[in-house]
Amino acid sequence: MWDLPETSSCYGKANIDVTLYNSDGSSRVMHVHKERTSVDLVGLQPGQDYSVSFNLGYKETQLAVLPYTFKTALQENNVSGWMIAGIVVSSLIIVGFLIALFVILIRRGHMKPVERGVDRKSDAEIKSEVRDGME
């Protein structure tokens, strides 16, 4: 990020190039529009050394070269898209299995205790037994 000059200067007519040098020796030149005040460096690999050169020139004359060296941070989040997809798919499979099990239990009658001969007492019968037990 850089500041634009407040008064008119050759800056508005200058060519701005940002050159990115990778640690393997390859480079990439990005031409920056004269009214931009920043440039995004994308596609950088974690834990790599890079050099950046901010080149300012007018016509065939190079006015300034401002070099800068940095190292990208190591990647802390190791969860990839495939891992997230695997978690989602396995969760859906488990939910599907539980729904299928529930449907099977209902159809076989295991989820209907009254129909299987389990006798439930009414509230009146329970109150009667409690009264009899207290006497």
Protein backbone atom coordinates (compact mmCIF):
# COMPACT_ATOMS: atom_id res chain seq x y z
CA MET A 1 0.00 0.00 0.00
CA TRP A 2 1.32 3.44 -0.86
CA ASP A 3 0.13 7.03 -0.74
CA LEU A 4 -0.72 9.09 -3.81
CA PRO A 5 0.89 12.55 -3.91
CA GLU A 6 -1.29 15.52 -2.96
CA THR A 7 0.11 17.80 -5.67
CA SER A 8 0.57 17.05 -9.35
CA SER A 9 3.76 15.19 -10.15
CA CYS A 10 5.18 12.71 -12.60
CA TYR A 11 3.56 9.98 -10.50
CA GLY A 12 0.34 10.21 -12.52
CA LYS A 13 2.31 9.58 -15.72
CA ALA A 14 4.65 6.94 -14.32
CA ASN A 15 4.46 3.25 -15.03
CA ILE A 16 4.15 1.13 -11.91
CA ASP A 17 5.25 -2.48 -11.96
CA VAL A 18 5.34 -4.84 -9.02
CA THR A 19 7.64 -7.80 -9.59
CA LEU A 20 7.30 -10.87 -7.38
CA TYR A 21 10.33 -13.19 -7.18
CA ASN A 22 9.73 -16.73 -5.91
CA SER A 23 12.33 -18.64 -3.93
CA ASP A 24 12.76 -21.03 -6.89
CA GLY A 25 13.98 -18.16 -9.09
CA SER A 26 10.83 -17.58 -11.13
CA SER A 27 9.22 -14.16 -11.24
CA ARG A 28 5.89 -12.57 -12.05
CA VAL A 29 5.38 -8.93 -13.12
CA MET A 30 2.13 -7.16 -12.32
CA HIS A 31 1.38 -3.86 -14.05
CA VAL A 32 -0.47 -1.57 -11.66
CA HIS A 33 -2.88 1.13 -12.79
CA LYS A 34 -1.57 4.58 -11.91
CA GLU A 35 -4.53 5.40 -9.67
CA ARG A 36 -4.26 2.26 -7.54
CA THR A 37 -2.79 2.54 -4.07
CA SER A 38 -2.33 -1.17 -3.40
CA VAL A 39 -1.84 -4.50 -5.10
CA ASP A 40 -2.90 -7.97 -3.91
CA LEU A 41 -0.30 -10.71 -4.10
CA VAL A 42 -2.31 -13.90 -4.58
CA GLY A 43 -1.30 -17.51 -5.08
CA LEU A 44 1.52 -17.43 -2.53
CA GLN A 45 2.52 -20.71 -0.88
CA PRO A 46 2.75 -20.95 2.93
CA GLY A 47 6.22 -20.92 4.48
CA GLN A 48 8.00 -19.66 1.32
CA ASP A 49 10.47 -16.81 0.89
CA TYR A 50 9.53 -14.09 -1.62
CA SER A 51 11.03 -10.83 -2.83
CA VAL A 52 8.94 -7.98 -4.17
CA SER A 53 10.22 -5.07 -6.20
CA PHE A 54 8.16 -1.90 -6.61
CA ASN A 55 9.37 -0.36 -9.89
CA LEU A 56 8.48 3.18 -10.85
CA GLY A 57 9.41 4.39 -14.31
CA TYR A 58 8.59 7.08 -16.85
CA LYS A 59 8.91 6.31 -20.55
CA GLU A 60 12.26 4.50 -20.82
CA THR A 61 13.70 5.84 -17.54
CA GLN A 62 13.55 3.88 -14.31
CA LEU A 63 12.82 6.35 -11.53
CA ALA A 64 12.87 4.13 -8.46
CA VAL A 65 13.16 0.49 -7.44
CA LEU A 66 12.03 -0.37 -3.94
CA PRO A 67 12.86 -3.99 -3.02
CA TYR A 68 11.26 -5.88 -0.13
CA THR A 69 11.76 -9.46 1.09
CA PHE A 70 9.31 -11.46 3.20
CA LYS A 71 8.32 -14.99 4.16
CA THR A 72 4.72 -16.17 4.18
CA ALA A 73 3.33 -17.67 7.38
CA LEU A 74 2.91 -21.41 7.73
CA GLN A 75 -0.57 -22.70 7.07
CA GLU A 76 -2.28 -23.27 10.43
CA ASN A 77 -5.60 -24.62 9.21
CA ASN A 78 -5.02 -28.08 7.81
CA VAL A 79 -8.66 -28.87 7.04
CA SER A 80 -9.03 -29.23 3.30
CA GLY A 81 -12.21 -29.14 1.26
CA TRP A 82 -12.07 -32.92 0.82
CA MET A 83 -11.93 -33.43 4.56
CA ILE A 84 -14.98 -31.21 5.12
CA ALA A 85 -16.85 -33.03 2.34
CA GLY A 86 -15.99 -36.38 3.96
CA ILE A 87 -17.33 -35.23 7.32
CA VAL A 88 -20.57 -33.99 5.76
CA VAL A 89 -21.09 -37.17 3.71
CA SER A 90 -20.39 -39.47 6.66
CA SER A 91 -22.79 -37.46 8.84
CA LEU A 92 -25.51 -37.80 6.20
CA ILE A 93 -24.90 -41.56 5.99
CA ILE A 94 -25.25 -41.91 9.78
CA VAL A 95 -28.48 -39.86 9.82
CA GLY A 96 -29.84 -41.95 6.92
CA PHE A 97 -28.97 -45.17 8.79
CA LEU A 98 -30.74 -43.94 11.94
CA ILE A 99 -33.86 -42.99 9.97
CA ALA A 100 -33.89 -46.42 8.25
CA LEU A 101 -33.51 -48.16 11.63
CA PHE A 102 -36.37 -46.13 13.10
CA VAL A 103 -38.64 -46.99 10.13
CA ILE A 104 -37.79 -50.71 10.45
CA LEU A 105 -38.54 -50.70 14.18
CA ILE A 106 -41.90 -49.01 13.61
CA ARG A 107 -42.90 -51.47 10.85
CA ARG A 108 -41.96 -54.50 12.95
CA GLY A 109 -43.97 -53.18 15.88
CA HIS A 110 -41.09 -52.66 18.30
CA MET A 111 -42.04 -49.00 18.74
CA LYS A 112 -45.66 -49.78 19.82
CA PRO A 113 -45.55 -51.23 23.36
CA VAL A 114 -49.37 -51.16 23.86
CA GLU A 115 -49.99 -53.33 20.81
CA ARG A 116 -47.35 -55.85 21.95
CA GLY A 117 -49.31 -56.76 25.05
CA VAL A 118 -47.82 -54.35 27.53
CA ASP A 119 -50.76 -53.31 29.63
CA ARG A 120 -50.94 -49.77 30.86
CA LYS A 121 -53.03 -48.92 33.82
CA SER A 122 -55.35 -45.97 33.73
CA ASP A 123 -55.00 -43.06 36.12
CA ALA A 124 -58.10 -44.22 38.00
CA GLU A 125 -56.62 -47.70 38.56
CA ILE A 126 -53.36 -46.24 39.86
CA LYS A 127 -55.21 -43.91 42.26
CA SER A 128 -57.31 -46.83 43.48
CA GLU A 129 -54.19 -48.93 44.19
CA VAL A 130 -52.55 -46.04 46.01
CA ARG A 131 -55.67 -45.55 48.16
CA ASP A 132 -55.84 -49.25 48.93
CA GLY A 133 -52.19 -49.29 49.92
CA MET A 134 -52.65 -46.38 52.36
CA GLU A 135 -55.52 -48.01 54.24
